Structure formats: C-alpha cells, structure tokens
Protein backbone atom coordinates (compact mmCIF):
# COMPACT_ATOMS: atom_id res chain seq x y z
CA MET A 1 14.90 -9.73 34.44
CA ASP A 2 18.41 -8.47 34.25
CA VAL A 3 18.84 -4.65 34.49
CA ARG A 4 20.54 -4.69 31.07
CA ASP A 5 17.40 -6.12 29.51
CA ALA A 6 15.17 -3.32 30.75
CA ALA A 7 16.20 -0.57 28.29
CA PRO A 8 15.77 -3.09 25.23
CA GLU A 9 12.43 -4.13 26.64
CA ASP A 10 11.08 -0.80 26.96
CA ALA A 11 12.52 0.11 23.51
CA TYR A 12 10.55 -2.92 21.93
CA ARG A 13 7.35 -1.70 23.84
CA SER A 14 7.88 1.70 22.45
CA VAL A 15 8.37 0.38 18.88
CA GLU A 16 5.21 -1.67 19.30
CA GLN A 17 3.21 1.42 20.47
CA GLU A 18 4.32 3.65 17.73
CA LEU A 19 3.81 0.83 15.13
CA ALA A 20 0.12 0.46 16.27
CA LEU A 21 -0.35 4.15 16.17
CA LEU A 22 1.26 4.33 12.65
CA PHE A 23 -0.85 1.41 11.32
CA ARG A 24 -4.18 3.06 12.60
CA ARG A 25 -3.19 6.18 11.08
CA ALA A 26 -2.14 4.56 7.80
CA ARG A 27 -5.70 2.84 7.73
CA ALA A 28 -7.38 6.18 8.09
CA ARG A 29 -4.99 7.91 5.43
CA ALA A 30 -5.81 4.95 3.04
CA THR A 31 -9.58 5.61 3.44
CA GLU A 32 -8.94 9.36 2.74
CA MET A 33 -6.60 8.52 -0.39
CA ALA A 34 -9.49 6.13 -1.68
CA ARG A 35 -11.92 8.68 -1.46
CA GLU A 36 -9.66 11.07 -3.31
CA VAL A 37 -9.51 8.48 -6.05
CA HIS A 38 -13.19 7.83 -6.12
CA PRO A 39 -15.94 8.78 -3.79
CA GLU A 40 -17.12 4.98 -3.62
CA LEU A 41 -13.71 3.54 -3.29
CA GLU A 42 -13.20 1.61 0.01
CA GLY A 43 -10.01 2.39 2.05
CA SER A 44 -9.21 -1.34 1.92
CA ALA A 45 -9.04 -1.22 -1.99
CA TYR A 46 -6.52 1.63 -2.19
CA PRO A 47 -3.42 -0.48 -1.45
CA LEU A 48 -4.77 -2.68 -4.21
CA LEU A 49 -4.99 0.00 -6.71
CA ALA A 50 -1.52 1.22 -5.67
CA TYR A 51 -0.03 -2.09 -6.43
CA ILE A 52 -1.71 -2.52 -9.62
CA GLY A 53 -0.59 1.21 -10.53
CA GLY A 54 3.00 0.28 -9.78
CA SER A 55 3.05 -2.95 -11.57
CA GLY A 56 1.36 -2.07 -14.82
CA ARG A 57 -0.19 -5.33 -15.94
CA VAL A 58 -0.37 -7.87 -13.03
CA ARG A 59 -1.91 -11.39 -12.67
CA LEU A 60 -4.77 -11.76 -10.28
CA THR A 61 -2.77 -14.60 -8.60
CA ASP A 62 0.06 -12.28 -8.09
CA ILE A 63 -2.02 -9.59 -6.60
CA GLY A 64 -3.32 -12.40 -4.08
CA LEU A 65 0.15 -13.53 -3.30
CA HIS A 66 1.43 -10.06 -2.65
CA PHE A 67 -1.33 -9.27 -0.30
CA GLY A 68 -1.56 -12.78 1.27
CA VAL A 69 -5.23 -13.08 0.40
CA GLY A 70 -7.17 -15.75 -1.64
CA LYS A 71 -8.42 -15.68 -5.21
CA GLY A 72 -12.05 -14.97 -4.12
CA THR A 73 -11.08 -11.86 -2.16
CA VAL A 74 -8.97 -10.46 -4.98
CA SER A 75 -11.69 -11.29 -7.59
CA ARG A 76 -14.40 -9.28 -5.48
CA GLN A 77 -11.86 -6.30 -5.07
CA ILE A 78 -11.10 -6.28 -8.78
CA LYS A 79 -14.78 -6.34 -9.70
CA THR A 80 -15.32 -3.42 -7.54
CA LEU A 81 -12.59 -1.54 -9.11
CA GLU A 82 -13.86 -2.52 -12.62
CA SER A 83 -17.34 -1.37 -11.84
CA LEU A 84 -15.85 1.95 -10.80
CA GLY A 85 -13.89 2.26 -13.96
CA LEU A 86 -10.61 2.18 -12.38
CA VAL A 87 -9.22 -1.01 -13.75
CA SER A 88 -9.73 -3.45 -16.49
CA ARG A 89 -9.16 -7.18 -16.84
CA GLU A 90 -7.91 -8.99 -20.01
CA SER A 91 -6.73 -12.44 -20.77
CA ASP A 92 -3.09 -12.97 -20.71
CA PRO A 93 -2.18 -13.70 -24.57
CA LEU A 94 0.35 -16.04 -23.33
CA ASP A 95 -2.08 -18.15 -21.08
CA GLY A 96 -5.79 -17.62 -21.82
CA ARG A 97 -6.73 -19.17 -18.40
CA VAL A 98 -5.01 -16.31 -16.61
CA TYR A 99 -6.30 -12.72 -16.35
CA LEU A 100 -4.08 -9.52 -16.31
CA VAL A 101 -5.34 -6.40 -14.41
CA SER A 102 -4.15 -2.92 -15.28
CA LEU A 103 -5.47 0.61 -14.32
CA THR A 104 -7.67 2.24 -16.91
CA GLU A 105 -6.67 5.67 -18.26
CA GLU A 106 -9.31 7.24 -15.73
CA GLY A 107 -7.92 4.94 -13.02
CA ASP A 108 -4.34 5.96 -13.70
CA ARG A 109 -5.28 9.81 -13.95
CA ARG A 110 -7.24 9.46 -10.54
CA TYR A 111 -4.54 7.29 -8.93
CA THR A 112 -1.64 9.65 -10.02
CA ARG A 113 -3.38 12.83 -8.68
CA ALA A 114 -4.01 11.14 -5.23
CA ARG A 115 -0.35 9.70 -5.13
CA GLU A 116 0.91 13.28 -5.82
CA ALA A 117 -1.32 14.79 -3.17
CA ARG A 118 0.08 12.05 -0.80
CA MET A 119 3.68 12.80 -1.77
CA GLY A 120 3.07 16.55 -1.10
CA SER A 121 1.79 15.65 2.39
CA ILE A 122 4.89 13.51 2.99
CA ARG A 123 7.19 16.31 1.84
CA THR A 124 5.36 18.80 4.02
CA LEU A 125 5.48 16.54 7.19
CA LEU A 126 9.23 15.75 6.64
CA GLY A 127 10.13 19.09 5.12
CA ALA A 128 11.70 20.39 8.31
CA TRP A 129 14.04 17.19 8.64
CA GLU A 130 17.50 17.18 7.34
CA PRO A 131 17.90 15.34 4.08
CA ALA A 132 20.14 12.72 5.82
CA ASP A 133 17.43 12.25 8.52
CA VAL A 134 14.88 11.52 5.67
CA SER A 135 17.26 9.07 4.04
CA ALA A 136 18.00 7.38 7.29
CA PHE A 137 14.25 7.01 8.18
CA ALA A 138 13.53 5.68 4.59
CA GLY A 139 16.36 3.10 5.12
CA LEU A 140 15.23 1.99 8.43
CA LEU A 141 11.66 1.51 7.05
CA HIS A 142 13.04 -0.45 4.25
CA ARG A 143 14.89 -2.71 6.66
CA PHE A 144 11.85 -3.22 8.75
CA ASN A 145 9.75 -4.07 5.80
CA GLU A 146 12.21 -6.61 4.59
CA LEU A 147 11.99 -8.26 8.01
CA MET A 148 8.15 -8.31 7.90
CA GLU A 149 8.20 -9.79 4.32
CA SER A 150 10.58 -12.51 5.52
CA GLY A 151 9.19 -13.04 9.05
C-alpha cells in the first residue's frame, strides 16, 4: 500500500467504526422512543410510525418501498400499529384496491410528544456546538444519506 493511501484508509475505518456505534445507539434510541409512544410498541416499528407521521396519508406499497421491505412485513407492522390505536387504514378513494394509512388522533398526539422529546435531546446534545457546526453536520449527514439512498 502506498503511504499516501494510509491516511484515507484509516479515515474510512474510523467512519465505519463510528457508523457502527451510531447505528447501535440509534436502534437502542428507537426502542426508547417507541416505548415513549406506547409501552407495547416495538423499536422496529418506531421508524414506520415516524414515516407515516411525516407523510400524512401514505399507501402501504409506498411504505414498503421506502423501507425496502415486502408487503407482508408492512401489513404485519401496520396491523400491530392499528391494534395499538396509533394508525388507521382506509381504502384509497381513487383506487379501492389500495389502502392508505395515517396516524390516528391518539397516534399523532403520542408521536408528536415523543418527537418533541427527541428534538429536546438533540438540542441538548448539540447545544454547545456553534450553529455553523450544527449546520455543517446536518449537511454532511444529508450528503451521506443521499449516497446511501443511491448506492
């Protein structure tokens, strides 16, 4: 290996290690957030709830495409969210074969409360940073997520 390649390889290794740690912590935090929404909500369902909350009314197929999972997986998750009273499912008035999913009033209330708590945590964590650093961090995360989406 060329000496000039050593620093970038170390940097890539550091990025991999930091991402692994971030993903582990994010999964643990998703579980905490899910419990804040509803004591019986699984951590894996929280991102689904967040997506629905951000989308308003969304088709089941679009949920599957967004998360890269099949219709059966989405249907099972939605049934669980329905049984907890967090989402409702209705036929699409434009295509009766399609279901639209949205948060119930209770689901929206609970999700909003958990999201506000999460935002408070982020503000606390990054509160000592300069605003320009927070913006730069957000920009780099956005760039990285775009790469992940296209790659």
